[in-house]
């Protein structure tokens, strides 16, 4: 897996994922809030399978490995 998620994108994914999970645990939103696991994991692992399929990349050239 090549890194394809940049730092700004990564931070946003983690924040949104944690917010959705937190709102679900608080009972504010329904079970669909567990979808927050997806952006959380893609942010933590710096890899997004959808970006690979779409040919996208938000990671700067020097950080790719």
N, C-alpha and C. Protein backbone atom coordinates (compact mmCIF):
# COMPACT_ATOMS: atom_id res chain seq x y z
N UNK A 1 0.84 -1.17 0.00
CA UNK A 1 0.00 0.00 0.00
C UNK A 1 0.89 1.24 0.00
N UNK A 2 0.71 2.08 -1.00
CA UNK A 2 1.42 3.34 -1.05
C UNK A 2 0.62 4.41 -0.33
N UNK A 3 1.31 5.32 0.31
CA UNK A 3 0.64 6.43 0.98
C UNK A 3 0.00 7.32 -0.08
N UNK A 4 -1.29 7.60 0.07
CA UNK A 4 -1.96 8.48 -0.88
C UNK A 4 -2.86 9.51 -0.19
N UNK A 5 -2.70 9.67 1.13
CA UNK A 5 -3.48 10.64 1.88
C UNK A 5 -2.50 11.62 2.53
N UNK A 6 -2.63 12.90 2.17
CA UNK A 6 -1.77 13.94 2.70
C UNK A 6 -2.13 14.32 4.12
N UNK A 7 -1.33 15.19 4.74
CA UNK A 7 -1.51 15.51 6.15
C UNK A 7 -2.81 16.27 6.43
N UNK A 8 -3.18 17.25 5.61
CA UNK A 8 -4.43 17.97 5.85
C UNK A 8 -5.62 17.04 5.67
N UNK A 9 -5.60 16.26 4.63
CA UNK A 9 -6.64 15.28 4.36
C UNK A 9 -6.72 14.28 5.51
N UNK A 10 -5.59 13.86 6.00
CA UNK A 10 -5.51 12.88 7.08
C UNK A 10 -6.15 13.43 8.36
N UNK A 11 -5.81 14.66 8.72
CA UNK A 11 -6.36 15.26 9.93
C UNK A 11 -7.88 15.39 9.82
N UNK A 12 -8.37 15.84 8.66
CA UNK A 12 -9.81 15.98 8.47
C UNK A 12 -10.53 14.63 8.58
N UNK A 13 -9.93 13.60 8.00
CA UNK A 13 -10.54 12.27 8.07
C UNK A 13 -10.63 11.78 9.52
N UNK A 14 -9.57 11.96 10.27
CA UNK A 14 -9.56 11.50 11.66
C UNK A 14 -10.58 12.27 12.49
N UNK A 15 -10.63 13.59 12.32
CA UNK A 15 -11.58 14.41 13.08
C UNK A 15 -13.03 14.04 12.73
N UNK A 16 -13.32 13.92 11.45
CA UNK A 16 -14.69 13.57 11.03
C UNK A 16 -15.06 12.17 11.53
N UNK A 17 -14.13 11.24 11.41
CA UNK A 17 -14.40 9.87 11.88
C UNK A 17 -14.68 9.82 13.37
N UNK A 18 -13.85 10.51 14.16
CA UNK A 18 -14.06 10.54 15.61
C UNK A 18 -15.37 11.25 15.96
N UNK A 19 -15.69 12.33 15.24
CA UNK A 19 -16.93 13.06 15.50
C UNK A 19 -18.15 12.17 15.23
N UNK A 20 -18.15 11.46 14.11
CA UNK A 20 -19.28 10.58 13.80
C UNK A 20 -19.43 9.47 14.83
N UNK A 21 -18.32 8.88 15.21
CA UNK A 21 -18.38 7.80 16.22
C UNK A 21 -18.84 8.35 17.56
N UNK A 22 -18.33 9.52 17.93
CA UNK A 22 -18.74 10.15 19.18
C UNK A 22 -20.22 10.49 19.21
N UNK A 23 -20.74 11.03 18.10
CA UNK A 23 -22.16 11.34 18.02
C UNK A 23 -23.02 10.08 18.09
N UNK A 24 -22.53 9.00 17.53
CA UNK A 24 -23.25 7.73 17.59
C UNK A 24 -23.29 7.21 19.02
N UNK A 25 -22.16 7.26 19.69
CA UNK A 25 -22.10 6.79 21.07
C UNK A 25 -22.96 7.64 22.00
N UNK A 26 -23.07 8.93 21.69
CA UNK A 26 -23.88 9.84 22.50
C UNK A 26 -25.37 9.70 22.21
N UNK A 27 -25.71 8.99 21.15
CA UNK A 27 -27.11 8.78 20.80
C UNK A 27 -27.70 9.91 19.98
N UNK A 28 -26.87 10.83 19.51
CA UNK A 28 -27.35 11.96 18.72
C UNK A 28 -27.75 11.53 17.32
N UNK A 29 -26.97 10.66 16.74
CA UNK A 29 -27.30 10.13 15.42
C UNK A 29 -27.42 8.62 15.53
N UNK A 30 -28.04 8.03 14.54
CA UNK A 30 -28.29 6.59 14.58
C UNK A 30 -27.06 5.75 14.30
N UNK A 31 -27.32 4.50 14.01
CA UNK A 31 -26.26 3.53 13.77
C UNK A 31 -25.41 3.85 12.55
N UNK A 32 -25.94 4.69 11.63
CA UNK A 32 -25.17 5.07 10.46
C UNK A 32 -23.91 5.83 10.83
N UNK A 33 -23.84 6.35 12.01
CA UNK A 33 -22.66 7.08 12.47
C UNK A 33 -21.42 6.20 12.56
N UNK A 34 -21.64 4.89 12.62
CA UNK A 34 -20.50 3.98 12.67
C UNK A 34 -19.71 3.98 11.36
N UNK A 35 -20.26 4.61 10.33
CA UNK A 35 -19.53 4.76 9.08
C UNK A 35 -18.28 5.61 9.32
N UNK A 36 -18.23 6.31 10.43
CA UNK A 36 -17.06 7.11 10.80
C UNK A 36 -15.80 6.28 10.98
N UNK A 37 -15.97 4.98 11.12
CA UNK A 37 -14.81 4.09 11.23
C UNK A 37 -13.98 4.14 9.93
N UNK A 38 -14.65 4.29 8.80
CA UNK A 38 -13.96 4.30 7.50
C UNK A 38 -13.00 5.48 7.38
N UNK A 39 -13.46 6.73 7.55
CA UNK A 39 -12.50 7.83 7.45
C UNK A 39 -11.44 7.78 8.55
N UNK A 40 -11.81 7.30 9.73
CA UNK A 40 -10.84 7.18 10.81
C UNK A 40 -9.70 6.24 10.42
N UNK A 41 -10.03 5.07 9.90
CA UNK A 41 -9.00 4.10 9.52
C UNK A 41 -8.18 4.57 8.32
N UNK A 42 -8.83 5.21 7.33
CA UNK A 42 -8.06 5.69 6.19
C UNK A 42 -7.12 6.82 6.61
N UNK A 43 -7.51 7.60 7.60
CA UNK A 43 -6.63 8.65 8.11
C UNK A 43 -5.48 8.08 8.91
N UNK A 44 -5.74 7.09 9.72
CA UNK A 44 -4.69 6.48 10.54
C UNK A 44 -3.66 5.75 9.68
N UNK A 45 -4.12 5.03 8.66
CA UNK A 45 -3.21 4.26 7.82
C UNK A 45 -2.66 5.03 6.62
N UNK A 46 -3.11 6.27 6.43
CA UNK A 46 -2.64 7.15 5.34
C UNK A 46 -2.88 6.53 3.95
N UNK A 47 -3.88 5.70 3.85
CA UNK A 47 -4.18 5.04 2.57
C UNK A 47 -5.68 4.99 2.36
N UNK A 48 -6.12 5.41 1.18
CA UNK A 48 -7.53 5.38 0.83
C UNK A 48 -7.71 4.55 -0.44
N UNK A 49 -8.39 3.41 -0.34
CA UNK A 49 -8.61 2.57 -1.52
C UNK A 49 -9.38 3.30 -2.62
N UNK A 50 -10.31 4.16 -2.27
CA UNK A 50 -11.07 4.90 -3.27
C UNK A 50 -10.16 5.83 -4.07
N UNK A 51 -9.18 6.44 -3.42
CA UNK A 51 -8.22 7.30 -4.13
C UNK A 51 -7.45 6.49 -5.16
N UNK A 52 -7.11 5.26 -4.83
CA UNK A 52 -6.39 4.39 -5.76
C UNK A 52 -7.25 4.10 -6.99
N UNK A 53 -8.51 3.78 -6.76
CA UNK A 53 -9.41 3.49 -7.88
C UNK A 53 -9.65 4.71 -8.76
N UNK A 54 -9.68 5.90 -8.15
CA UNK A 54 -9.94 7.13 -8.90
C UNK A 54 -8.67 7.80 -9.41
N UNK A 55 -7.51 7.26 -9.04
CA UNK A 55 -6.25 7.84 -9.48
C UNK A 55 -5.91 9.14 -8.77
N UNK A 56 -6.44 9.33 -7.58
CA UNK A 56 -6.19 10.56 -6.83
C UNK A 56 -5.07 10.36 -5.82
N UNK A 57 -4.51 11.49 -5.38
CA UNK A 57 -3.45 11.46 -4.39
C UNK A 57 -3.33 12.84 -3.76
N UNK A 58 -3.38 12.94 -2.43
CA UNK A 58 -3.23 14.22 -1.76
C UNK A 58 -1.92 14.32 -0.99
N UNK A 59 -1.07 13.32 -1.16
CA UNK A 59 0.21 13.28 -0.46
C UNK A 59 1.28 13.98 -1.30
N UNK A 60 2.08 14.85 -0.67
CA UNK A 60 3.18 15.50 -1.42
C UNK A 60 4.19 14.47 -1.95
N UNK A 61 4.86 14.78 -3.02
CA UNK A 61 5.78 13.85 -3.67
C UNK A 61 6.90 13.35 -2.75
N UNK A 62 7.46 14.21 -1.89
CA UNK A 62 8.59 13.81 -1.05
C UNK A 62 8.17 12.88 0.08
N UNK A 63 6.90 12.79 0.41
CA UNK A 63 6.44 11.94 1.52
C UNK A 63 6.01 10.55 1.05
N UNK A 64 5.92 10.34 -0.24
CA UNK A 64 5.48 9.04 -0.76
C UNK A 64 6.58 8.00 -0.57
N UNK A 65 6.16 6.80 -0.20
CA UNK A 65 7.14 5.72 -0.01
C UNK A 65 6.57 4.43 -0.53
